[in-house]
Every structure is written in structure tokens, then in C-alpha cells.
Amino acid sequence: MLSIHGLKCIYDTGARSWAIELTLSGEGEDAVRRFEVDSADDAEMLIDAFEDSTASAFDPATGEIVFAYEYADLDLDEEDEDEDEEEAGDDEAGEDDETGKKDRQ
């Protein structure tokens, strides 16, 4: 696998076609590979995927381009449960809507 360091979109005026050019390095070699794509939109999609990825690689044996993404685990479920418990406790205390005063009827 070779690391991808950059991508660029190219329009070949001679062939009248779009291409993506990859700048690669790894395994003791630096290389540039060019691949034809159907349209500028396809090239833009690949460039966006590269920019959003945390790692990207090219496998010269299979011709596959791999984009890897890393997502943070925010534990949102735990925080939501704590907030729900606090709101339930406030309602049981008999507080009025916005004023925070207790009902005295």
C-alpha cells in the first residue's frame, strides 16, 4: 500500500476527458498515478473524500483507493439520561414554569 499525499483534478484537452492524479509515496518509492473519471463531479467527490479522510492509501496490486475515517465516541446517551433525570426532579419539586417559584394553591 502506498500513502496518498495529494489528489488533483485534470482535464486532458487532447483526449477531452477528466482524470484524477494521485501523488503517492511508500515502500521506498514516490510516484504519480493518473486515473480517468467520468466527469468533474466524480473528480470532486474523490477530492472531498480525500480531504475528509484521516488516512488514505493506494494498492498498486489491485488498483484500489482506500479512504479511512476516524469518528469520536461522544457518549451522548449518558449525557441525555443525566439531563432527563434533572428535568424530572425539577417537575416533581412543584416549580412553576419560568419563575422557579413553588405552587401555593
C-alpha atoms as a PDB file:
ATOM      1  CA  MET A   1       0.000   0.000   0.000  1.00  0.00           C
ATOM      2  CA  LEU A   2       1.215   3.480  -0.872  1.00  0.00           C
ATOM      3  CA  SER A   3       0.185   6.584   1.080  1.00  0.00           C
ATOM      4  CA  ILE A   4      -1.724   9.204  -0.890  1.00  0.00           C
ATOM      5  CA  HIS A   5      -0.325  12.681  -0.279  1.00  0.00           C
ATOM      6  CA  GLY A   6      -2.428  14.622  -2.731  1.00  0.00           C
ATOM      7  CA  LEU A   7      -5.042  14.496  -5.450  1.00  0.00           C
ATOM      8  CA  LYS A   8      -5.728  16.873  -8.269  1.00  0.00           C
ATOM      9  CA  CYS A   9      -8.348  17.063 -10.960  1.00  0.00           C
ATOM     10  CA  ILE A  10      -7.095  17.278 -14.556  1.00  0.00           C
ATOM     11  CA  TYR A  11      -8.903  17.931 -17.817  1.00  0.00           C
ATOM     12  CA  ASP A  12      -6.969  16.419 -20.717  1.00  0.00           C
ATOM     13  CA  THR A  13      -7.724  18.662 -23.699  1.00  0.00           C
ATOM     14  CA  GLY A  14      -6.245  16.165 -26.173  1.00  0.00           C
ATOM     15  CA  ALA A  15      -8.369  13.228 -25.044  1.00  0.00           C
ATOM     16  CA  ARG A  16     -11.222  15.530 -23.924  1.00  0.00           C
ATOM     17  CA  SER A  17     -11.630  13.631 -20.686  1.00  0.00           C
ATOM     18  CA  TRP A  18     -11.341  14.148 -16.923  1.00  0.00           C
ATOM     19  CA  ALA A  19      -8.754  12.441 -14.756  1.00  0.00           C
ATOM     20  CA  ILE A  20      -7.541  12.323 -11.154  1.00  0.00           C
ATOM     21  CA  GLU A  21      -3.844  12.384 -10.447  1.00  0.00           C
ATOM     22  CA  LEU A  22      -2.580  10.828  -7.193  1.00  0.00           C
ATOM     23  CA  THR A  23       0.708  11.764  -5.545  1.00  0.00           C
ATOM     24  CA  LEU A  24       1.923   8.621  -3.754  1.00  0.00           C
ATOM     25  CA  SER A  25       4.799   7.569  -1.521  1.00  0.00           C
ATOM     26  CA  GLY A  26       5.806   4.477   0.386  1.00  0.00           C
ATOM     27  CA  GLU A  27       7.850   1.299   0.133  1.00  0.00           C
ATOM     28  CA  GLY A  28      10.877   3.351  -0.934  1.00  0.00           C
ATOM     29  CA  GLU A  29       9.204   4.989  -3.916  1.00  0.00           C
ATOM     30  CA  ASP A  30       7.468   8.219  -4.835  1.00  0.00           C
ATOM     31  CA  ALA A  31       5.062   8.064  -7.738  1.00  0.00           C
ATOM     32  CA  VAL A  32       2.273   9.840  -9.573  1.00  0.00           C
ATOM     33  CA  ARG A  33      -0.616   7.831 -10.983  1.00  0.00           C
ATOM     34  CA  ARG A  34      -3.388   9.112 -13.225  1.00  0.00           C
ATOM     35  CA  PHE A  35      -6.885   7.604 -13.447  1.00  0.00           C
ATOM     36  CA  GLU A  36      -9.679   8.599 -15.792  1.00  0.00           C
ATOM     37  CA  VAL A  37     -13.020   9.596 -14.253  1.00  0.00           C
ATOM     38  CA  ASP A  38     -16.371  10.182 -15.965  1.00  0.00           C
ATOM     39  CA  SER A  39     -16.858  13.836 -15.015  1.00  0.00           C
ATOM     40  CA  ALA A  40     -15.625  16.773 -12.969  1.00  0.00           C
ATOM     41  CA  ASP A  41     -18.288  15.887 -10.359  1.00  0.00           C
ATOM     42  CA  ASP A  42     -16.729  12.434  -9.895  1.00  0.00           C
ATOM     43  CA  ALA A  43     -13.292  14.010  -9.511  1.00  0.00           C
ATOM     44  CA  GLU A  44     -14.656  16.497  -6.960  1.00  0.00           C
ATOM     45  CA  MET A  45     -16.282  13.650  -4.993  1.00  0.00           C
ATOM     46  CA  LEU A  46     -12.921  11.837  -4.767  1.00  0.00           C
ATOM     47  CA  ILE A  47     -11.099  15.006  -3.713  1.00  0.00           C
ATOM     48  CA  ASP A  48     -13.714  15.688  -0.998  1.00  0.00           C
ATOM     49  CA  ALA A  49     -13.390  12.096   0.267  1.00  0.00           C
ATOM     50  CA  PHE A  50      -9.598  12.518   0.434  1.00  0.00           C
ATOM     51  CA  GLU A  51      -9.832  15.830   2.309  1.00  0.00           C
ATOM     52  CA  ASP A  52     -12.343  14.440   4.843  1.00  0.00           C
ATOM     53  CA  SER A  53     -10.409  11.217   5.476  1.00  0.00           C
ATOM     54  CA  THR A  54      -7.925  10.700   8.291  1.00  0.00           C
ATOM     55  CA  ALA A  55      -5.823   8.312   6.179  1.00  0.00           C
ATOM     56  CA  SER A  56      -5.779   7.289   2.537  1.00  0.00           C
ATOM     57  CA  ALA A  57      -3.853   4.684   0.582  1.00  0.00           C
ATOM     58  CA  PHE A  58      -3.497   3.186  -2.888  1.00  0.00           C
ATOM     59  CA  ASP A  59      -2.918  -0.523  -3.513  1.00  0.00           C
ATOM     60  CA  PRO A  60      -0.945  -0.892  -6.764  1.00  0.00           C
ATOM     61  CA  ALA A  61      -1.661  -4.630  -6.925  1.00  0.00           C
ATOM     62  CA  THR A  62      -5.444  -4.190  -7.066  1.00  0.00           C
ATOM     63  CA  GLY A  63      -5.737  -0.537  -8.165  1.00  0.00           C
ATOM     64  CA  GLU A  64      -7.928   0.236  -5.136  1.00  0.00           C
ATOM     65  CA  ILE A  65      -8.010   3.619  -3.436  1.00  0.00           C
ATOM     66  CA  VAL A  66      -8.903   3.383   0.261  1.00  0.00           C
ATOM     67  CA  PHE A  67     -10.105   6.310   2.397  1.00  0.00           C
ATOM     68  CA  ALA A  68     -10.246   5.769   6.175  1.00  0.00           C
ATOM     69  CA  TYR A  69     -12.256   7.890   8.593  1.00  0.00           C
ATOM     70  CA  GLU A  70     -11.999   8.198  12.369  1.00  0.00           C
ATOM     71  CA  TYR A  71     -15.024   9.218  14.393  1.00  0.00           C
ATOM     72  CA  ALA A  72     -15.123  10.313  18.021  1.00  0.00           C
ATOM     73  CA  ASP A  73     -17.261   8.428  20.531  1.00  0.00           C
ATOM     74  CA  LEU A  74     -19.160  11.184  22.309  1.00  0.00           C
ATOM     75  CA  ASP A  75     -21.214   9.065  24.769  1.00  0.00           C
ATOM     76  CA  LEU A  76     -24.283  11.212  24.089  1.00  0.00           C
ATOM     77  CA  ASP A  77     -26.672   8.648  25.582  1.00  0.00           C
ATOM     78  CA  GLU A  78     -25.145   9.054  29.041  1.00  0.00           C
ATOM     79  CA  GLU A  79     -25.441  12.869  28.974  1.00  0.00           C
ATOM     80  CA  ASP A  80     -29.054  12.731  27.741  1.00  0.00           C
ATOM     81  CA  GLU A  81     -30.030  10.426  30.623  1.00  0.00           C
ATOM     82  CA  ASP A  82     -28.497  12.817  33.184  1.00  0.00           C
ATOM     83  CA  GLU A  83     -30.407  15.796  31.733  1.00  0.00           C
ATOM     84  CA  ASP A  84     -33.682  13.840  31.692  1.00  0.00           C
ATOM     85  CA  GLU A  85     -33.253  12.930  35.383  1.00  0.00           C
ATOM     86  CA  GLU A  86     -32.574  16.571  36.317  1.00  0.00           C
ATOM     87  CA  GLU A  87     -35.687  17.780  34.446  1.00  0.00           C
ATOM     88  CA  ALA A  88     -37.833  15.115  36.092  1.00  0.00           C
ATOM     89  CA  GLY A  89     -36.557  16.180  39.525  1.00  0.00           C
ATOM     90  CA  ASP A  90     -37.451  19.825  38.831  1.00  0.00           C
ATOM     91  CA  ASP A  91     -41.012  18.934  37.795  1.00  0.00           C
ATOM     92  CA  GLU A  92     -41.571  16.859  40.952  1.00  0.00           C
ATOM     93  CA  ALA A  93     -40.426  19.723  43.177  1.00  0.00           C
ATOM     94  CA  GLY A  94     -43.527  21.683  42.098  1.00  0.00           C
ATOM     95  CA  GLU A  95     -41.712  24.574  40.457  1.00  0.00           C
ATOM     96  CA  ASP A  96     -43.669  26.994  38.275  1.00  0.00           C
ATOM     97  CA  ASP A  97     -42.774  27.168  34.554  1.00  0.00           C
ATOM     98  CA  GLU A  98     -40.277  30.001  34.131  1.00  0.00           C
ATOM     99  CA  THR A  99     -40.225  31.690  37.531  1.00  0.00           C
ATOM    100  CA  GLY A 100     -38.942  28.776  39.576  1.00  0.00           C
ATOM    101  CA  LYS A 101     -41.451  29.579  42.402  1.00  0.00           C
ATOM    102  CA  LYS A 102     -43.362  26.794  44.099  1.00  0.00           C
ATOM    103  CA  ASP A 103     -47.107  26.464  43.600  1.00  0.00           C
ATOM    104  CA  ARG A 104     -49.015  27.661  46.715  1.00  0.00           C
ATOM    105  CA  GLN A 105     -52.640  26.821  45.971  1.00  0.00           C
END
